[in-house]
Amino acid sequence: MKSKITIKLLKRSTIDIYHNLMENNGLVLSGALSFFTLISVIPLTTLLITIVGWTMPIESVELLLANFETMVPVQMKAEILKNLQVISKLDLSFSFQKLIFSLLILTFLFWWGSLIFEIVEKSLSIIFHVKKERTFWQSKKVHMVQMLLLGFLFLVLSLLSLFGHFVDNWLIKVMPIIYGSFIKSLGLDVIMSILFNFIFGTALFFLTYKISTTKKLRKRSYFLGASFASVGWVVARYVFGYYITEINDFTLFFGTLATIAKLAFWVFYTTMIFLIGAELAWYREMYLRGKEL
């Protein structure tokens, strides 16, 4: 009896979330998010690399770029990293002789990169039914905080990756048999990678949902939406990777632009998952408040 009630409730909530997403023009919002993500990813990446290059050893830049492979399907990481390597070769080092020029570049990168946070704020304001939005300068302050948090998350991910590489190399040298027959054969390295991706995605989505608007939901509502979006993101990496390698050959239709096309489709899927997670968080909040959506 309870299982039937649970299935019925799940079915109803799924239908309600879908209708809410369509009423909020989810496809249009996802398209806008995709566009601004694509035009903001280069300045944001350059900004991150510049700050890391000013404050940390040059090896940290390579490690930071390597972590971008967790953001895309495995089948696309070689193409994406190859293009990002161009950024790492730019002369972004700090010097007092070009202090003013460097600050102007950073200001420009921040302003351009903040476009994605601006459209995220607008999209979540629609989904969370925000009545009073922040002023322009208040939003820019929040965008600065979001950039710092994004940089911090990437730094943590880089340190975890560095620690993982260290442990792998140590196990290969000290216990090669155990590493090959136990860790590799059971796929524990893949499981750890998926776990890291889930934790990173949940933290990223949770902070984005919570900070982007003035609407205050319960933390568990944010967490539910962020967890769902993170799981969907991890699963979509493998499903989309299988799709572009086994089902649809993008080079047949897009030729030399296949990499851009695959990236655009991937970003669209990611933003759609992000919006569904937000709708789920809002649905749970309204359900607990006993209001009609």
C-alpha atoms as a PDB file:
ATOM      1  CA  MET A   1       0.000   0.000   0.000  1.00  0.00           C
ATOM      2  CA  LYS A   2       2.765   2.405   0.966  1.00  0.00           C
ATOM      3  CA  SER A   3       4.688   1.587  -2.198  1.00  0.00           C
ATOM      4  CA  LYS A   4       1.641   2.475  -4.320  1.00  0.00           C
ATOM      5  CA  ILE A   5       1.271   5.795  -2.494  1.00  0.00           C
ATOM      6  CA  THR A   6       4.968   6.516  -2.959  1.00  0.00           C
ATOM      7  CA  ILE A   7       4.836   5.737  -6.681  1.00  0.00           C
ATOM      8  CA  LYS A   8       1.718   7.874  -7.082  1.00  0.00           C
ATOM      9  CA  LEU A   9       3.335  10.775  -5.226  1.00  0.00           C
ATOM     10  CA  LEU A  10       6.515  10.441  -7.273  1.00  0.00           C
ATOM     11  CA  LYS A  11       4.530  10.402 -10.507  1.00  0.00           C
ATOM     12  CA  ARG A  12       2.526  13.462  -9.495  1.00  0.00           C
ATOM     13  CA  SER A  13       5.609  15.405  -8.399  1.00  0.00           C
ATOM     14  CA  THR A  14       7.410  14.561 -11.648  1.00  0.00           C
ATOM     15  CA  ILE A  15       4.461  15.803 -13.712  1.00  0.00           C
ATOM     16  CA  ASP A  16       4.166  18.964 -11.607  1.00  0.00           C
ATOM     17  CA  ILE A  17       7.871  19.742 -11.907  1.00  0.00           C
ATOM     18  CA  TYR A  18       7.718  19.218 -15.670  1.00  0.00           C
ATOM     19  CA  HIS A  19       4.711  21.565 -16.011  1.00  0.00           C
ATOM     20  CA  ASN A  20       6.410  24.188 -13.847  1.00  0.00           C
ATOM     21  CA  LEU A  21       9.555  23.978 -15.948  1.00  0.00           C
ATOM     22  CA  MET A  22       7.548  24.481 -19.139  1.00  0.00           C
ATOM     23  CA  GLU A  23       5.515  27.337 -17.640  1.00  0.00           C
ATOM     24  CA  ASN A  24       8.795  29.029 -16.704  1.00  0.00           C
ATOM     25  CA  ASN A  25      10.044  28.608 -20.286  1.00  0.00           C
ATOM     26  CA  GLY A  26      12.705  26.138 -19.211  1.00  0.00           C
ATOM     27  CA  LEU A  27      13.913  25.481 -22.763  1.00  0.00           C
ATOM     28  CA  VAL A  28      14.409  29.205 -23.363  1.00  0.00           C
ATOM     29  CA  LEU A  29      16.175  29.634 -20.012  1.00  0.00           C
ATOM     30  CA  SER A  30      18.405  26.647 -20.761  1.00  0.00           C
ATOM     31  CA  GLY A  31      19.253  28.095 -24.171  1.00  0.00           C
ATOM     32  CA  ALA A  32      20.136  31.461 -22.634  1.00  0.00           C
ATOM     33  CA  LEU A  33      22.238  29.782 -19.939  1.00  0.00           C
ATOM     34  CA  SER A  34      24.022  27.709 -22.583  1.00  0.00           C
ATOM     35  CA  PHE A  35      24.861  30.759 -24.680  1.00  0.00           C
ATOM     36  CA  PHE A  36      26.201  32.797 -21.769  1.00  0.00           C
ATOM     37  CA  THR A  37      28.112  29.790 -20.447  1.00  0.00           C
ATOM     38  CA  LEU A  38      29.881  29.353 -23.773  1.00  0.00           C
ATOM     39  CA  ILE A  39      30.858  33.025 -24.045  1.00  0.00           C
ATOM     40  CA  SER A  40      31.871  33.208 -20.369  1.00  0.00           C
ATOM     41  CA  VAL A  41      33.898  30.005 -20.030  1.00  0.00           C
ATOM     42  CA  ILE A  42      37.026  31.421 -21.712  1.00  0.00           C
ATOM     43  CA  PRO A  43      37.245  34.635 -19.616  1.00  0.00           C
ATOM     44  CA  LEU A  44      36.425  32.703 -16.434  1.00  0.00           C
ATOM     45  CA  THR A  45      39.079  30.099 -17.204  1.00  0.00           C
ATOM     46  CA  THR A  46      41.606  32.804 -18.047  1.00  0.00           C
ATOM     47  CA  LEU A  47      40.757  34.630 -14.822  1.00  0.00           C
ATOM     48  CA  LEU A  48      41.230  31.469 -12.757  1.00  0.00           C
ATOM     49  CA  ILE A  49      44.513  30.651 -14.476  1.00  0.00           C
ATOM     50  CA  THR A  50      45.749  34.232 -14.031  1.00  0.00           C
ATOM     51  CA  ILE A  51      45.036  34.258 -10.297  1.00  0.00           C
ATOM     52  CA  VAL A  52      46.539  30.796  -9.837  1.00  0.00           C
ATOM     53  CA  GLY A  53      49.567  31.859 -11.893  1.00  0.00           C
ATOM     54  CA  TRP A  54      50.087  34.889  -9.649  1.00  0.00           C
ATOM     55  CA  THR A  55      49.806  33.018  -6.372  1.00  0.00           C
ATOM     56  CA  MET A  56      50.903  29.419  -6.991  1.00  0.00           C
ATOM     57  CA  PRO A  57      53.638  27.470  -8.872  1.00  0.00           C
ATOM     58  CA  ILE A  58      53.232  27.141 -12.640  1.00  0.00           C
ATOM     59  CA  GLU A  59      52.566  23.403 -12.252  1.00  0.00           C
ATOM     60  CA  SER A  60      49.295  24.333 -10.560  1.00  0.00           C
ATOM     61  CA  VAL A  61      48.015  25.804 -13.832  1.00  0.00           C
ATOM     62  CA  GLU A  62      48.413  22.459 -15.612  1.00  0.00           C
ATOM     63  CA  LEU A  63      46.671  20.713 -12.717  1.00  0.00           C
ATOM     64  CA  LEU A  64      43.822  23.227 -12.851  1.00  0.00           C
ATOM     65  CA  LEU A  65      43.355  22.652 -16.576  1.00  0.00           C
ATOM     66  CA  ALA A  66      43.443  18.890 -16.092  1.00  0.00           C
ATOM     67  CA  ASN A  67      40.489  19.174 -13.707  1.00  0.00           C
ATOM     68  CA  PHE A  68      38.302  20.515 -16.495  1.00  0.00           C
ATOM     69  CA  GLU A  69      38.029  16.934 -17.723  1.00  0.00           C
ATOM     70  CA  THR A  70      35.608  16.342 -14.838  1.00  0.00           C
ATOM     71  CA  MET A  71      33.258  18.897 -16.397  1.00  0.00           C
ATOM     72  CA  VAL A  72      32.790  17.125 -19.730  1.00  0.00           C
ATOM     73  CA  PRO A  73      32.171  13.557 -20.960  1.00  0.00           C
ATOM     74  CA  VAL A  74      35.267  11.361 -20.971  1.00  0.00           C
ATOM     75  CA  GLN A  75      35.121  11.073 -24.772  1.00  0.00           C
ATOM     76  CA  MET A  76      35.443  14.864 -25.110  1.00  0.00           C
ATOM     77  CA  LYS A  77      38.172  15.630 -22.599  1.00  0.00           C
ATOM     78  CA  ALA A  78      41.079  15.303 -25.053  1.00  0.00           C
ATOM     79  CA  GLU A  79      39.493  17.825 -27.445  1.00  0.00           C
ATOM     80  CA  ILE A  80      38.591  20.274 -24.681  1.00  0.00           C
ATOM     81  CA  LEU A  81      41.968  20.121 -22.940  1.00  0.00           C
ATOM     82  CA  LYS A  82      43.758  20.608 -26.255  1.00  0.00           C
ATOM     83  CA  ASN A  83      41.915  23.895 -26.756  1.00  0.00           C
ATOM     84  CA  LEU A  84      42.399  25.018 -23.164  1.00  0.00           C
ATOM     85  CA  GLN A  85      46.161  24.500 -23.445  1.00  0.00           C
ATOM     86  CA  VAL A  86      46.247  27.619 -25.622  1.00  0.00           C
ATOM     87  CA  ILE A  87      45.189  29.695 -22.602  1.00  0.00           C
ATOM     88  CA  SER A  88      47.933  28.251 -20.397  1.00  0.00           C
ATOM     89  CA  LYS A  89      50.574  29.481 -22.881  1.00  0.00           C
ATOM     90  CA  LEU A  90      49.510  33.108 -22.530  1.00  0.00           C
ATOM     91  CA  ASP A  91      51.860  35.403 -20.649  1.00  0.00           C
ATOM     92  CA  LEU A  92      49.668  36.146 -17.642  1.00  0.00           C
ATOM     93  CA  SER A  93      52.431  36.495 -15.061  1.00  0.00           C
ATOM     94  CA  PHE A  94      52.322  39.380 -12.621  1.00  0.00           C
ATOM     95  CA  SER A  95      54.841  42.206 -12.694  1.00  0.00           C
ATOM     96  CA  PHE A  96      54.845  45.750 -11.317  1.00  0.00           C
ATOM     97  CA  GLN A  97      55.843  47.098 -14.750  1.00  0.00           C
ATOM     98  CA  LYS A  98      52.524  46.041 -16.214  1.00  0.00           C
ATOM     99  CA  LEU A  99      50.472  46.377 -13.019  1.00  0.00           C
ATOM    100  CA  ILE A 100      47.881  48.734 -14.500  1.00  0.00           C
ATOM    101  CA  PHE A 101      47.556  46.615 -17.636  1.00  0.00           C
ATOM    102  CA  SER A 102      47.129  43.456 -15.546  1.00  0.00           C
ATOM    103  CA  LEU A 103      44.435  45.057 -13.392  1.00  0.00           C
ATOM    104  CA  LEU A 104      42.575  46.244 -16.489  1.00  0.00           C
ATOM    105  CA  ILE A 105      42.711  42.728 -17.929  1.00  0.00           C
ATOM    106  CA  LEU A 106      41.409  41.250 -14.665  1.00  0.00           C
ATOM    107  CA  THR A 107      38.575  43.801 -14.524  1.00  0.00           C
ATOM    108  CA  PHE A 108      37.599  43.010 -18.102  1.00  0.00           C
ATOM    109  CA  LEU A 109      37.723  39.260 -17.466  1.00  0.00           C
ATOM    110  CA  PHE A 110      35.624  39.622 -14.327  1.00  0.00           C
ATOM    111  CA  TRP A 111      33.012  41.741 -16.092  1.00  0.00           C
ATOM    112  CA  TRP A 112      32.789  39.402 -19.055  1.00  0.00           C
ATOM    113  CA  GLY A 113      32.880  36.243 -16.951  1.00  0.00           C
ATOM    114  CA  SER A 114      30.144  37.555 -14.644  1.00  0.00           C
ATOM    115  CA  LEU A 115      27.623  37.381 -17.495  1.00  0.00           C
ATOM    116  CA  ILE A 116      26.974  33.715 -16.734  1.00  0.00           C
ATOM    117  CA  PHE A 117      26.235  34.492 -13.076  1.00  0.00           C
ATOM    118  CA  GLU A 118      23.894  37.266 -14.146  1.00  0.00           C
ATOM    119  CA  ILE A 119      21.796  34.994 -16.355  1.00  0.00           C
ATOM    120  CA  VAL A 120      21.848  32.300 -13.653  1.00  0.00           C
ATOM    121  CA  GLU A 121      20.441  34.862 -11.222  1.00  0.00           C
ATOM    122  CA  LYS A 122      17.710  35.855 -13.684  1.00  0.00           C
ATOM    123  CA  SER A 123      16.789  32.219 -14.381  1.00  0.00           C
ATOM    124  CA  LEU A 124      16.625  31.197 -10.728  1.00  0.00           C
ATOM    125  CA  SER A 125      14.629  34.344  -9.915  1.00  0.00           C
ATOM    126  CA  ILE A 126      11.964  33.083 -12.307  1.00  0.00           C
ATOM    127  CA  ILE A 127      11.981  29.526 -10.931  1.00  0.00           C
ATOM    128  CA  PHE A 128      12.039  30.640  -7.266  1.00  0.00           C
ATOM    129  CA  HIS A 129       9.422  33.368  -7.937  1.00  0.00           C
ATOM    130  CA  VAL A 130      11.577  36.196  -6.595  1.00  0.00           C
ATOM    131  CA  LYS A 131       9.538  39.386  -6.214  1.00  0.00           C
ATOM    132  CA  LYS A 132      12.338  41.819  -5.363  1.00  0.00           C
ATOM    133  CA  GLU A 133      15.651  41.318  -7.114  1.00  0.00           C
ATOM    134  CA  ARG A 134      19.012  42.773  -6.140  1.00  0.00           C
ATOM    135  CA  THR A 135      20.257  46.063  -7.495  1.00  0.00           C
ATOM    136  CA  PHE A 136      22.916  46.053 -10.212  1.00  0.00           C
ATOM    137  CA  TRP A 137      25.854  46.642  -7.868  1.00  0.00           C
ATOM    138  CA  GLN A 138      24.521  44.233  -5.247  1.00  0.00           C
ATOM    139  CA  SER A 139      24.427  41.557  -7.957  1.00  0.00           C
ATOM    140  CA  LYS A 140      28.011  42.306  -8.991  1.00  0.00           C
ATOM    141  CA  LYS A 141      29.166  41.874  -5.385  1.00  0.00           C
ATOM    142  CA  VAL A 142      27.427  38.491  -5.249  1.00  0.00           C
ATOM    143  CA  HIS A 143      28.990  37.544  -8.586  1.00  0.00           C
ATOM    144  CA  MET A 144      32.412  38.300  -7.120  1.00  0.00           C
ATOM    145  CA  VAL A 145      31.673  35.982  -4.182  1.00  0.00           C
ATOM    146  CA  GLN A 146      30.493  33.266  -6.577  1.00  0.00           C
ATOM    147  CA  MET A 147      33.710  33.548  -8.584  1.00  0.00           C
ATOM    148  CA  LEU A 148      35.777  33.226  -5.414  1.00  0.00           C
ATOM    149  CA  LEU A 149      33.773  30.181  -4.346  1.00  0.00           C
ATOM    150  CA  LEU A 150      34.145  28.645  -7.806  1.00  0.00           C
ATOM    151  CA  GLY A 151      37.889  29.203  -7.654  1.00  0.00           C
ATOM    152  CA  PHE A 152      38.002  27.689  -4.170  1.00  0.00           C
ATOM    153  CA  LEU A 153      36.101  24.590  -5.318  1.00  0.00           C
ATOM    154  CA  PHE A 154      38.487  24.133  -8.234  1.00  0.00           C
ATOM    155  CA  LEU A 155      41.439  24.553  -5.868  1.00  0.00           C
ATOM    156  CA  VAL A 156      40.056  21.887  -3.536  1.00  0.00           C
ATOM    157  CA  LEU A 157      39.404  19.599  -6.499  1.00  0.00           C
ATOM    158  CA  SER A 158      42.965  20.194  -7.715  1.00  0.00           C
ATOM    159  CA  LEU A 159      44.411  19.313  -4.316  1.00  0.00           C
ATOM    160  CA  LEU A 160      42.287  16.163  -4.145  1.00  0.00           C
ATOM    161  CA  SER A 161      43.406  15.183  -7.640  1.00  0.00           C
ATOM    162  CA  LEU A 162      47.027  15.808  -6.691  1.00  0.00           C
ATOM    163  CA  PHE A 163      46.599  13.653  -3.601  1.00  0.00           C
ATOM    164  CA  GLY A 164      44.927  10.936  -5.685  1.00  0.00           C
ATOM    165  CA  HIS A 165      47.807  10.916  -8.189  1.00  0.00           C
ATOM    166  CA  PHE A 166      50.285  10.708  -5.328  1.00  0.00           C
ATOM    167  CA  VAL A 167      48.439   7.737  -3.780  1.00  0.00           C
ATOM    168  CA  ASP A 168      48.188   5.997  -7.171  1.00  0.00           C
ATOM    169  CA  ASN A 169      51.907   6.384  -7.852  1.00  0.00           C
ATOM    170  CA  TRP A 170      52.753   5.201  -4.332  1.00  0.00           C
ATOM    171  CA  LEU A 171      50.552   2.098  -4.676  1.00  0.00           C
ATOM    172  CA  ILE A 172      51.975   1.280  -8.110  1.00  0.00           C
ATOM    173  CA  LYS A 173      55.523   1.376  -6.743  1.00  0.00           C
ATOM    174  CA  VAL A 174      54.951  -0.251  -3.332  1.00  0.00           C
ATOM    175  CA  MET A 175      52.060  -2.654  -4.021  1.00  0.00           C
ATOM    176  CA  PRO A 176      51.729  -3.118  -7.792  1.00  0.00           C
ATOM    177  CA  ILE A 177      49.994  -6.493  -7.490  1.00  0.00           C
ATOM    178  CA  ILE A 178      47.349  -5.207  -5.081  1.00  0.00           C
ATOM    179  CA  TYR A 179      46.858  -2.076  -7.205  1.00  0.00           C
ATOM    180  CA  GLY A 180      46.371  -4.049 -10.408  1.00  0.00           C
ATOM    181  CA  SER A 181      44.331  -6.946  -9.081  1.00  0.00           C
ATOM    182  CA  PHE A 182      42.254  -5.110  -6.474  1.00  0.00           C
ATOM    183  CA  ILE A 183      41.845  -1.415  -7.270  1.00  0.00           C
ATOM    184  CA  LYS A 184      41.865  -1.604 -11.074  1.00  0.00           C
ATOM    185  CA  SER A 185      39.968  -4.875 -11.406  1.00  0.00           C
ATOM    186  CA  LEU A 186      37.170  -3.724  -9.095  1.00  0.00           C
ATOM    187  CA  GLY A 187      37.069  -0.297 -10.689  1.00  0.00           C
ATOM    188  CA  LEU A 188      37.651   1.505  -7.400  1.00  0.00           C
ATOM    189  CA  ASP A 189      39.533   4.289  -9.195  1.00  0.00           C
ATOM    190  CA  VAL A 190      36.479   4.948 -11.390  1.00  0.00           C
ATOM    191  CA  ILE A 191      34.190   4.849  -8.360  1.00  0.00           C
ATOM    192  CA  MET A 192      36.348   7.412  -6.551  1.00  0.00           C
ATOM    193  CA  SER A 193      36.320   9.650  -9.624  1.00  0.00           C
ATOM    194  CA  ILE A 194      32.521   9.472  -9.803  1.00  0.00           C
ATOM    195  CA  LEU A 195      32.286  10.194  -6.070  1.00  0.00           C
ATOM    196  CA  PHE A 196      34.513  13.266  -6.413  1.00  0.00           C
ATOM    197  CA  ASN A 197      32.402  14.488  -9.327  1.00  0.00           C
ATOM    198  CA  PHE A 198      29.208  14.029  -7.310  1.00  0.00           C
ATOM    199  CA  ILE A 199      30.581  15.906  -4.297  1.00  0.00           C
ATOM    200  CA  PHE A 200      31.936  18.719  -6.460  1.00  0.00           C
ATOM    201  CA  GLY A 201      28.690  19.011  -8.434  1.00  0.00           C
ATOM    202  CA  THR A 202      26.514  18.974  -5.304  1.00  0.00           C
ATOM    203  CA  ALA A 203      28.605  21.683  -3.632  1.00  0.00           C
ATOM    204  CA  LEU A 204      28.613  23.808  -6.796  1.00  0.00           C
ATOM    205  CA  PHE A 205      24.863  23.545  -7.412  1.00  0.00           C
ATOM    206  CA  PHE A 206      23.984  23.987  -3.717  1.00  0.00           C
ATOM    207  CA  LEU A 207      25.980  27.212  -3.434  1.00  0.00           C
ATOM    208  CA  THR A 208      24.615  28.498  -6.735  1.00  0.00           C
ATOM    209  CA  TYR A 209      20.997  27.859  -5.750  1.00  0.00           C
ATOM    210  CA  LYS A 210      21.506  29.411  -2.328  1.00  0.00           C
ATOM    211  CA  ILE A 211      23.503  32.515  -3.225  1.00  0.00           C
ATOM    212  CA  SER A 212      22.167  33.531  -6.631  1.00  0.00           C
ATOM    213  CA  THR A 213      18.819  35.000  -5.505  1.00  0.00           C
ATOM    214  CA  THR A 214      17.327  36.797  -2.523  1.00  0.00           C
ATOM    215  CA  LYS A 215      14.794  33.990  -2.064  1.00  0.00           C
ATOM    216  CA  LYS A 216      15.489  31.901   1.027  1.00  0.00           C
ATOM    217  CA  LEU A 217      14.564  28.230   0.917  1.00  0.00           C
ATOM    218  CA  ARG A 218      15.279  25.489   3.417  1.00  0.00           C
ATOM    219  CA  LYS A 219      18.798  24.092   3.195  1.00  0.00           C
ATOM    220  CA  ARG A 220      17.385  20.611   2.640  1.00  0.00           C
ATOM    221  CA  SER A 221      15.433  21.905  -0.361  1.00  0.00           C
ATOM    222  CA  TYR A 222      18.620  23.325  -1.843  1.00  0.00           C
ATOM    223  CA  PHE A 223      20.453  20.100  -1.057  1.00  0.00           C
ATOM    224  CA  LEU A 224      17.771  17.902  -2.636  1.00  0.00           C
ATOM    225  CA  GLY A 225      17.837  19.915  -5.846  1.00  0.00           C
ATOM    226  CA  ALA A 226      21.642  20.063  -5.872  1.00  0.00           C
ATOM    227  CA  SER A 227      21.986  16.312  -5.237  1.00  0.00           C
ATOM    228  CA  PHE A 228      19.540  15.479  -7.999  1.00  0.00           C
ATOM    229  CA  ALA A 229      21.303  17.822 -10.438  1.00  0.00           C
ATOM    230  CA  SER A 230      24.698  16.410  -9.470  1.00  0.00           C
ATOM    231  CA  VAL A 231      23.578  12.805 -10.019  1.00  0.00           C
ATOM    232  CA  GLY A 232      22.000  13.790 -13.319  1.00  0.00           C
ATOM    233  CA  TRP A 233      25.206  15.573 -14.316  1.00  0.00           C
ATOM    234  CA  VAL A 234      27.396  12.552 -13.539  1.00  0.00           C
ATOM    235  CA  VAL A 235      25.061  10.141 -15.345  1.00  0.00           C
ATOM    236  CA  ALA A 236      24.724  12.494 -18.320  1.00  0.00           C
ATOM    237  CA  ARG A 237      28.518  12.552 -18.747  1.00  0.00           C
ATOM    238  CA  TYR A 238      28.540   8.857 -19.562  1.00  0.00           C
ATOM    239  CA  VAL A 239      25.236   8.776 -21.469  1.00  0.00           C
ATOM    240  CA  PHE A 240      26.185  11.744 -23.620  1.00  0.00           C
ATOM    241  CA  GLY A 241      29.665  10.322 -24.151  1.00  0.00           C
ATOM    242  CA  TYR A 242      28.135   7.073 -25.398  1.00  0.00           C
ATOM    243  CA  TYR A 243      25.726   9.019 -27.609  1.00  0.00           C
ATOM    244  CA  ILE A 244      28.422  11.038 -29.413  1.00  0.00           C
ATOM    245  CA  THR A 245      30.654   8.008 -29.982  1.00  0.00           C
ATOM    246  CA  GLU A 246      28.206   5.173 -30.699  1.00  0.00           C
ATOM    247  CA  ILE A 247      24.994   6.800 -31.976  1.00  0.00           C
ATOM    248  CA  ASN A 248      25.552  10.211 -33.515  1.00  0.00           C
ATOM    249  CA  ASP A 249      28.767  11.108 -35.349  1.00  0.00           C
ATOM    250  CA  PHE A 250      28.884  14.912 -35.096  1.00  0.00           C
ATOM    251  CA  THR A 251      31.658  15.176 -37.686  1.00  0.00           C
ATOM    252  CA  LEU A 252      29.231  13.920 -40.333  1.00  0.00           C
ATOM    253  CA  PHE A 253      27.077  17.034 -39.991  1.00  0.00           C
ATOM    254  CA  PHE A 254      29.403  19.669 -38.494  1.00  0.00           C
ATOM    255  CA  GLY A 255      32.804  18.691 -39.930  1.00  0.00           C
ATOM    256  CA  THR A 256      35.600  20.725 -38.344  1.00  0.00           C
ATOM    257  CA  LEU A 257      33.058  22.401 -36.048  1.00  0.00           C
ATOM    258  CA  ALA A 258      32.149  19.075 -34.419  1.00  0.00           C
ATOM    259  CA  THR A 259      33.962  19.929 -31.172  1.00  0.00           C
ATOM    260  CA  ILE A 260      32.048  23.196 -30.797  1.00  0.00           C
ATOM    261  CA  ALA A 261      28.754  21.450 -31.616  1.00  0.00           C
ATOM    262  CA  LYS A 262      29.360  18.682 -29.060  1.00  0.00           C
ATOM    263  CA  LEU A 263      30.324  21.232 -26.416  1.00  0.00           C
ATOM    264  CA  ALA A 264      27.216  23.325 -27.153  1.00  0.00           C
ATOM    265  CA  PHE A 265      24.906  20.295 -26.846  1.00  0.00           C
ATOM    266  CA  TRP A 266      26.659  19.180 -23.662  1.00  0.00           C
ATOM    267  CA  VAL A 267      26.297  22.615 -22.071  1.00  0.00           C
ATOM    268  CA  PHE A 268      22.614  22.667 -23.016  1.00  0.00           C
ATOM    269  CA  TYR A 269      22.027  19.288 -21.329  1.00  0.00           C
ATOM    270  CA  THR A 270      23.947  20.457 -18.263  1.00  0.00           C
ATOM    271  CA  THR A 271      21.962  23.676 -17.907  1.00  0.00           C
ATOM    272  CA  MET A 272      18.701  21.770 -18.327  1.00  0.00           C
ATOM    273  CA  ILE A 273      19.699  19.419 -15.512  1.00  0.00           C
ATOM    274  CA  PHE A 274      20.630  22.472 -13.425  1.00  0.00           C
ATOM    275  CA  LEU A 275      17.189  24.026 -13.966  1.00  0.00           C
ATOM    276  CA  ILE A 276      15.369  20.769 -13.182  1.00  0.00           C
ATOM    277  CA  GLY A 277      17.291  20.595  -9.908  1.00  0.00           C
ATOM    278  CA  ALA A 278      16.163  24.133  -9.100  1.00  0.00           C
ATOM    279  CA  GLU A 279      12.552  23.244  -9.922  1.00  0.00           C
ATOM    280  CA  LEU A 280      12.818  20.228  -7.610  1.00  0.00           C
ATOM    281  CA  ALA A 281      14.133  22.414  -4.783  1.00  0.00           C
ATOM    282  CA  TRP A 282      11.255  24.865  -5.278  1.00  0.00           C
ATOM    283  CA  TYR A 283       8.678  22.056  -5.476  1.00  0.00           C
ATOM    284  CA  ARG A 284       9.859  20.563  -2.176  1.00  0.00           C
ATOM    285  CA  GLU A 285       9.763  23.995  -0.543  1.00  0.00           C
ATOM    286  CA  MET A 286       6.214  24.666  -1.671  1.00  0.00           C
ATOM    287  CA  TYR A 287       5.150  21.136  -0.724  1.00  0.00           C
ATOM    288  CA  LEU A 288       6.421  21.674   2.832  1.00  0.00           C
ATOM    289  CA  ARG A 289       4.700  25.034   3.023  1.00  0.00           C
ATOM    290  CA  GLY A 290       1.460  23.429   1.880  1.00  0.00           C
ATOM    291  CA  LYS A 291       0.995  25.858  -1.040  1.00  0.00           C
ATOM    292  CA  GLU A 292      -0.232  25.226  -4.517  1.00  0.00           C
ATOM    293  CA  LEU A 293       2.408  25.610  -7.223  1.00  0.00           C
END
